[in-house]
C-alpha atoms as a PDB file:
ATOM      1  CA  MET A   1      -0.039 -16.673 -12.980  1.00  0.00           C
ATOM      2  CA  SER A   2      -1.701 -15.496  -9.811  1.00  0.00           C
ATOM      3  CA  ILE A   3      -0.114 -15.024  -6.390  1.00  0.00           C
ATOM      4  CA  TRP A   4      -1.635 -13.326  -3.362  1.00  0.00           C
ATOM      5  CA  TRP A   5      -0.805 -12.954   0.296  1.00  0.00           C
ATOM      6  CA  SER A   6      -2.190 -11.071   3.247  1.00  0.00           C
ATOM      7  CA  LEU A   7      -0.496  -9.981   6.453  1.00  0.00           C
ATOM      8  CA  HIS A   8      -2.016  -8.835   9.728  1.00  0.00           C
ATOM      9  CA  LEU A   9       0.708  -6.666  11.259  1.00  0.00           C
ATOM     10  CA  ARG A  10       1.162  -4.832  14.545  1.00  0.00           C
ATOM     11  CA  ARG A  11       1.287  -1.047  14.247  1.00  0.00           C
ATOM     12  CA  GLU A  12       5.016  -0.942  14.926  1.00  0.00           C
ATOM     13  CA  ALA A  13       7.777   0.571  12.803  1.00  0.00           C
ATOM     14  CA  ALA A  14       9.472  -2.850  12.539  1.00  0.00           C
ATOM     15  CA  SER A  15       6.496  -4.181  10.553  1.00  0.00           C
ATOM     16  CA  VAL A  16       7.165  -1.869   7.590  1.00  0.00           C
ATOM     17  CA  PRO A  17      10.405  -3.502   6.371  1.00  0.00           C
ATOM     18  CA  LEU A  18       8.857  -6.939   6.949  1.00  0.00           C
ATOM     19  CA  ALA A  19       6.029  -6.185   4.502  1.00  0.00           C
ATOM     20  CA  ARG A  20       8.469  -4.621   2.042  1.00  0.00           C
ATOM     21  CA  ARG A  21      10.826  -7.629   2.108  1.00  0.00           C
ATOM     22  CA  LEU A  22       7.961 -10.070   1.584  1.00  0.00           C
ATOM     23  CA  LEU A  23       6.753  -8.092  -1.433  1.00  0.00           C
ATOM     24  CA  LEU A  24      10.259  -7.821  -2.914  1.00  0.00           C
ATOM     25  CA  GLY A  25      10.879 -11.544  -2.379  1.00  0.00           C
ATOM     26  CA  THR A  26       7.588 -12.489  -4.003  1.00  0.00           C
ATOM     27  CA  MET A  27       8.235 -10.294  -7.042  1.00  0.00           C
ATOM     28  CA  GLU A  28      11.849 -11.470  -7.394  1.00  0.00           C
ATOM     29  CA  THR A  29      10.740 -15.108  -7.282  1.00  0.00           C
ATOM     30  CA  ALA A  30       8.026 -14.438  -9.879  1.00  0.00           C
ATOM     31  CA  GLY A  31      10.495 -12.650 -12.170  1.00  0.00           C
ATOM     32  CA  VAL A  32       9.143  -9.101 -12.007  1.00  0.00           C
ATOM     33  CA  ASP A  33      11.453  -6.409 -13.380  1.00  0.00           C
ATOM     34  CA  PRO A  34      13.526  -4.977 -10.479  1.00  0.00           C
ATOM     35  CA  ASP A  35      12.575  -1.354 -11.254  1.00  0.00           C
ATOM     36  CA  ILE A  36       8.855  -2.172 -10.990  1.00  0.00           C
ATOM     37  CA  SER A  37       9.502  -4.159  -7.802  1.00  0.00           C
ATOM     38  CA  TYR A  38      11.388  -1.247  -6.278  1.00  0.00           C
ATOM     39  CA  ASP A  39       8.645   1.288  -7.128  1.00  0.00           C
ATOM     40  CA  LEU A  40       5.975  -0.912  -5.584  1.00  0.00           C
ATOM     41  CA  SER A  41       8.079  -1.633  -2.497  1.00  0.00           C
ATOM     42  CA  VAL A  42       8.604   2.089  -1.856  1.00  0.00           C
ATOM     43  CA  ALA A  43       4.872   2.753  -2.312  1.00  0.00           C
ATOM     44  CA  LEU A  44       4.077  -0.129   0.067  1.00  0.00           C
ATOM     45  CA  SER A  45       6.520   1.239   2.644  1.00  0.00           C
ATOM     46  CA  GLU A  46       4.825   4.639   2.513  1.00  0.00           C
ATOM     47  CA  ALA A  47       1.348   3.134   2.893  1.00  0.00           C
ATOM     48  CA  CYS A  48       2.483   0.956   5.818  1.00  0.00           C
ATOM     49  CA  ALA A  49       4.222   3.902   7.500  1.00  0.00           C
ATOM     50  CA  ASN A  50       0.948   5.850   7.270  1.00  0.00           C
ATOM     51  CA  ALA A  51      -0.966   2.956   8.859  1.00  0.00           C
ATOM     52  CA  VAL A  52       1.604   2.683  11.651  1.00  0.00           C
ATOM     53  CA  GLU A  53       1.537   6.415  12.353  1.00  0.00           C
ATOM     54  CA  HIS A  54      -2.152   7.231  11.836  1.00  0.00           C
ATOM     55  CA  GLY A  55      -4.002   3.900  12.062  1.00  0.00           C
ATOM     56  CA  GLY A  56      -4.917   3.942  15.728  1.00  0.00           C
ATOM     57  CA  ASP A  57      -7.848   5.045  17.852  1.00  0.00           C
ATOM     58  CA  GLY A  58     -10.593   4.044  15.449  1.00  0.00           C
ATOM     59  CA  GLY A  59     -13.147   4.010  18.244  1.00  0.00           C
ATOM     60  CA  PRO A  60     -14.935   1.320  20.249  1.00  0.00           C
ATOM     61  CA  GLY A  61     -14.737  -2.223  18.924  1.00  0.00           C
ATOM     62  CA  THR A  62     -11.682  -1.686  16.748  1.00  0.00           C
ATOM     63  CA  CYS A  63      -8.311  -3.376  17.030  1.00  0.00           C
ATOM     64  CA  SER A  64      -6.192  -0.279  16.558  1.00  0.00           C
ATOM     65  CA  GLU A  65      -3.014  -2.174  17.409  1.00  0.00           C
ATOM     66  CA  ALA A  66      -2.867  -3.749  13.937  1.00  0.00           C
ATOM     67  CA  TYR A  67      -3.232  -3.127  10.223  1.00  0.00           C
ATOM     68  CA  ARG A  68      -3.572  -5.364   7.175  1.00  0.00           C
ATOM     69  CA  VAL A  69      -1.526  -5.596   3.971  1.00  0.00           C
ATOM     70  CA  THR A  70      -2.767  -7.622   1.003  1.00  0.00           C
ATOM     71  CA  ALA A  71      -0.891  -8.038  -2.272  1.00  0.00           C
ATOM     72  CA  TYR A  72      -2.155  -9.624  -5.482  1.00  0.00           C
ATOM     73  CA  LEU A  73       0.038 -10.427  -8.462  1.00  0.00           C
ATOM     74  CA  ASP A  74      -2.550 -11.377 -11.028  1.00  0.00           C
ATOM     75  CA  GLY A  75      -1.581 -11.691 -14.668  1.00  0.00           C
ATOM     76  CA  GLU A  76       0.114  -8.488 -15.734  1.00  0.00           C
ATOM     77  CA  ARG A  77      -0.898  -6.391 -12.703  1.00  0.00           C
ATOM     78  CA  CYS A  78       0.042  -6.081  -9.055  1.00  0.00           C
ATOM     79  CA  ARG A  79      -2.492  -4.636  -6.640  1.00  0.00           C
ATOM     80  CA  ILE A  80      -1.630  -3.768  -3.061  1.00  0.00           C
ATOM     81  CA  GLU A  81      -4.034  -2.749  -0.298  1.00  0.00           C
ATOM     82  CA  VAL A  82      -3.140  -1.401   3.139  1.00  0.00           C
ATOM     83  CA  ALA A  83      -6.025  -1.039   5.597  1.00  0.00           C
ATOM     84  CA  ASP A  84      -6.055   0.157   9.177  1.00  0.00           C
ATOM     85  CA  GLU A  85      -8.684   0.735  11.842  1.00  0.00           C
ATOM     86  CA  GLY A  86      -7.843   4.314  12.673  1.00  0.00           C
ATOM     87  CA  PRO A  87     -10.022   7.375  12.201  1.00  0.00           C
ATOM     88  CA  GLY A  88      -9.770   7.212   8.405  1.00  0.00           C
ATOM     89  CA  PHE A  89      -9.492  10.199   6.126  1.00  0.00           C
ATOM     90  CA  PRO A  90     -11.634  13.304   6.697  1.00  0.00           C
ATOM     91  CA  VAL A  91     -14.694  13.322   4.410  1.00  0.00           C
ATOM     92  CA  ALA A  92     -13.690  16.705   2.987  1.00  0.00           C
ATOM     93  CA  ALA A  93     -10.294  15.319   1.987  1.00  0.00           C
ATOM     94  CA  LEU A  94     -11.922  12.491   0.036  1.00  0.00           C
ATOM     95  CA  GLY A  95     -13.876  14.819  -2.238  1.00  0.00           C
ATOM     96  CA  ARG A  96     -11.368  14.488  -5.085  1.00  0.00           C
ATOM     97  CA  ALA A  97     -11.564  11.413  -7.263  1.00  0.00           C
ATOM     98  CA  GLY A  98      -9.222   8.818  -5.822  1.00  0.00           C
ATOM     99  CA  GLY A  99      -8.851  10.357  -2.400  1.00  0.00           C
ATOM    100  CA  ALA A 100      -6.860  12.656  -0.211  1.00  0.00           C
ATOM    101  CA  VAL A 101      -3.751  14.189  -1.683  1.00  0.00           C
ATOM    102  CA  ARG A 102      -2.970  17.818  -1.056  1.00  0.00           C
ATOM    103  CA  PRO A 103       0.154  19.785  -1.915  1.00  0.00           C
ATOM    104  CA  VAL A 104       2.923  19.547   0.657  1.00  0.00           C
ATOM    105  CA  PRO A 105       5.470  22.333   1.197  1.00  0.00           C
ATOM    106  CA  ALA A 106       8.956  21.417  -0.055  1.00  0.00           C
ATOM    107  CA  ASP A 107      10.455  21.809   3.431  1.00  0.00           C
ATOM    108  CA  ALA A 108       7.804  19.690   5.220  1.00  0.00           C
ATOM    109  CA  GLU A 109       9.096  16.731   7.230  1.00  0.00           C
ATOM    110  CA  HIS A 110       5.863  14.720   6.835  1.00  0.00           C
ATOM    111  CA  GLY A 111       3.010  14.415   4.367  1.00  0.00           C
ATOM    112  CA  ARG A 112       4.678  13.284   1.157  1.00  0.00           C
ATOM    113  CA  GLY A 113       3.739   9.597   1.371  1.00  0.00           C
ATOM    114  CA  LEU A 114       0.431   9.694  -0.499  1.00  0.00           C
ATOM    115  CA  CYS A 115       1.902  11.931  -3.200  1.00  0.00           C
ATOM    116  CA  LEU A 116       4.805   9.511  -3.610  1.00  0.00           C
ATOM    117  CA  ILE A 117       2.433   6.543  -3.886  1.00  0.00           C
ATOM    118  CA  ARG A 118       0.547   8.374  -6.657  1.00  0.00           C
ATOM    119  CA  GLU A 119       3.797   8.946  -8.553  1.00  0.00           C
ATOM    120  CA  LEU A 120       4.978   5.344  -8.276  1.00  0.00           C
ATOM    121  CA  ALA A 121       1.730   3.493  -9.045  1.00  0.00           C
ATOM    122  CA  ASP A 122      -0.515   3.443 -12.112  1.00  0.00           C
ATOM    123  CA  HIS A 123      -3.800   3.721 -10.215  1.00  0.00           C
ATOM    124  CA  VAL A 124      -4.414   4.753  -6.603  1.00  0.00           C
ATOM    125  CA  HIS A 125      -7.552   4.707  -4.478  1.00  0.00           C
ATOM    126  CA  ILE A 126      -7.575   6.335  -1.058  1.00  0.00           C
ATOM    127  CA  GLY A 127     -10.664   6.021   1.093  1.00  0.00           C
ATOM    128  CA  SER A 128     -12.283   4.650   4.180  1.00  0.00           C
ATOM    129  CA  ALA A 129     -12.862   0.996   4.923  1.00  0.00           C
ATOM    130  CA  PRO A 130     -16.398  -0.051   3.926  1.00  0.00           C
ATOM    131  CA  GLY A 131     -18.665  -0.589   6.926  1.00  0.00           C
ATOM    132  CA  ARG A 132     -16.106   0.207   9.617  1.00  0.00           C
ATOM    133  CA  ALA A 133     -13.657   2.784  10.878  1.00  0.00           C
ATOM    134  CA  GLY A 134     -10.311   3.017   9.164  1.00  0.00           C
ATOM    135  CA  ALA A 135      -8.450   4.032   6.064  1.00  0.00           C
ATOM    136  CA  VAL A 136      -7.719   1.987   2.958  1.00  0.00           C
ATOM    137  CA  VAL A 137      -4.953   2.836   0.515  1.00  0.00           C
ATOM    138  CA  SER A 138      -4.909   0.613  -2.560  1.00  0.00           C
ATOM    139  CA  PHE A 139      -2.738   0.956  -5.614  1.00  0.00           C
ATOM    140  CA  ASP A 140      -1.756  -1.063  -8.623  1.00  0.00           C
ATOM    141  CA  LYS A 141       0.855  -1.151 -11.325  1.00  0.00           C
ATOM    142  CA  ILE A 142       1.280  -2.954 -14.630  1.00  0.00           C
ATOM    143  CA  LEU A 143       4.087  -5.479 -14.286  1.00  0.00           C
ATOM    144  CA  LYS A 144       7.109  -5.886 -16.530  1.00  0.00           C
ATOM    145  CA  TRP A 145       9.057  -9.112 -16.458  1.00  0.00           C
ATOM    146  CA  ARG A 146      12.725 -10.090 -16.534  1.00  0.00           C
ATOM    147  CA  LYS A 147      13.731 -12.042 -19.630  1.00  0.00           C
ATOM    148  CA  ASP A 148      14.406 -15.120 -17.456  1.00  0.00           C
ATOM    149  CA  ALA A 149      11.190 -14.825 -15.410  1.00  0.00           C
ATOM    150  CA  PRO A 150      10.082 -18.285 -14.201  1.00  0.00           C
ATOM    151  CA  LEU A 151       6.433 -17.354 -13.567  1.00  0.00           C
ATOM    152  CA  VAL A 152       5.600 -15.088 -16.510  1.00  0.00           C
ATOM    153  CA  ALA A 153       1.889 -14.774 -17.117  1.00  0.00           C
ATOM    154  CA  VAL A 154       0.701 -16.419 -20.310  1.00  0.00           C
END
C-alpha cells in the first residue's frame, strides 16, 4: 500500500490543525495503530508550528507566506516532510548529524519542538532546502497496524 499527499499552506496558525487532521484521517482510514498516528500527528504539529513561526523572510524571490507539508505512507513506513522558505537553520547548528537540536531549559516557553519530534519519530533529518532558502524537517516512523486495518501493506 502506498498513499501520499502534499499541501501548500499559508503561514497561519489555523493551518497547523488542518495538516494534523488530514494526517490523522489518512492514517485512520488506512488502519494505522492510533498510538503511532498520535505520535506522528504531534510531531507534524510541531514541525508546522515551526514553519509558521520561523518560515518567513527567506529573501528575494521567495514566497514566505506559505510552507509545504508532504506525507508518504509507503509499505510499513510513514515519512513526513515540512519545508518553508524562511532563513533556514544556521550552518553552525547543522553541524551535528541530523540537524539542529540543542538542549532547552526546562522552564523555556519555546524551543522544544525539534526535541519532541526526535523523541516521537524513528529517524529525523533537519536541514536546509536544496538549492533555495528555507528549512526542511523530515521524519519517519515504522507503522503498526490495527487488527482490522483495511489497507495493510502486504
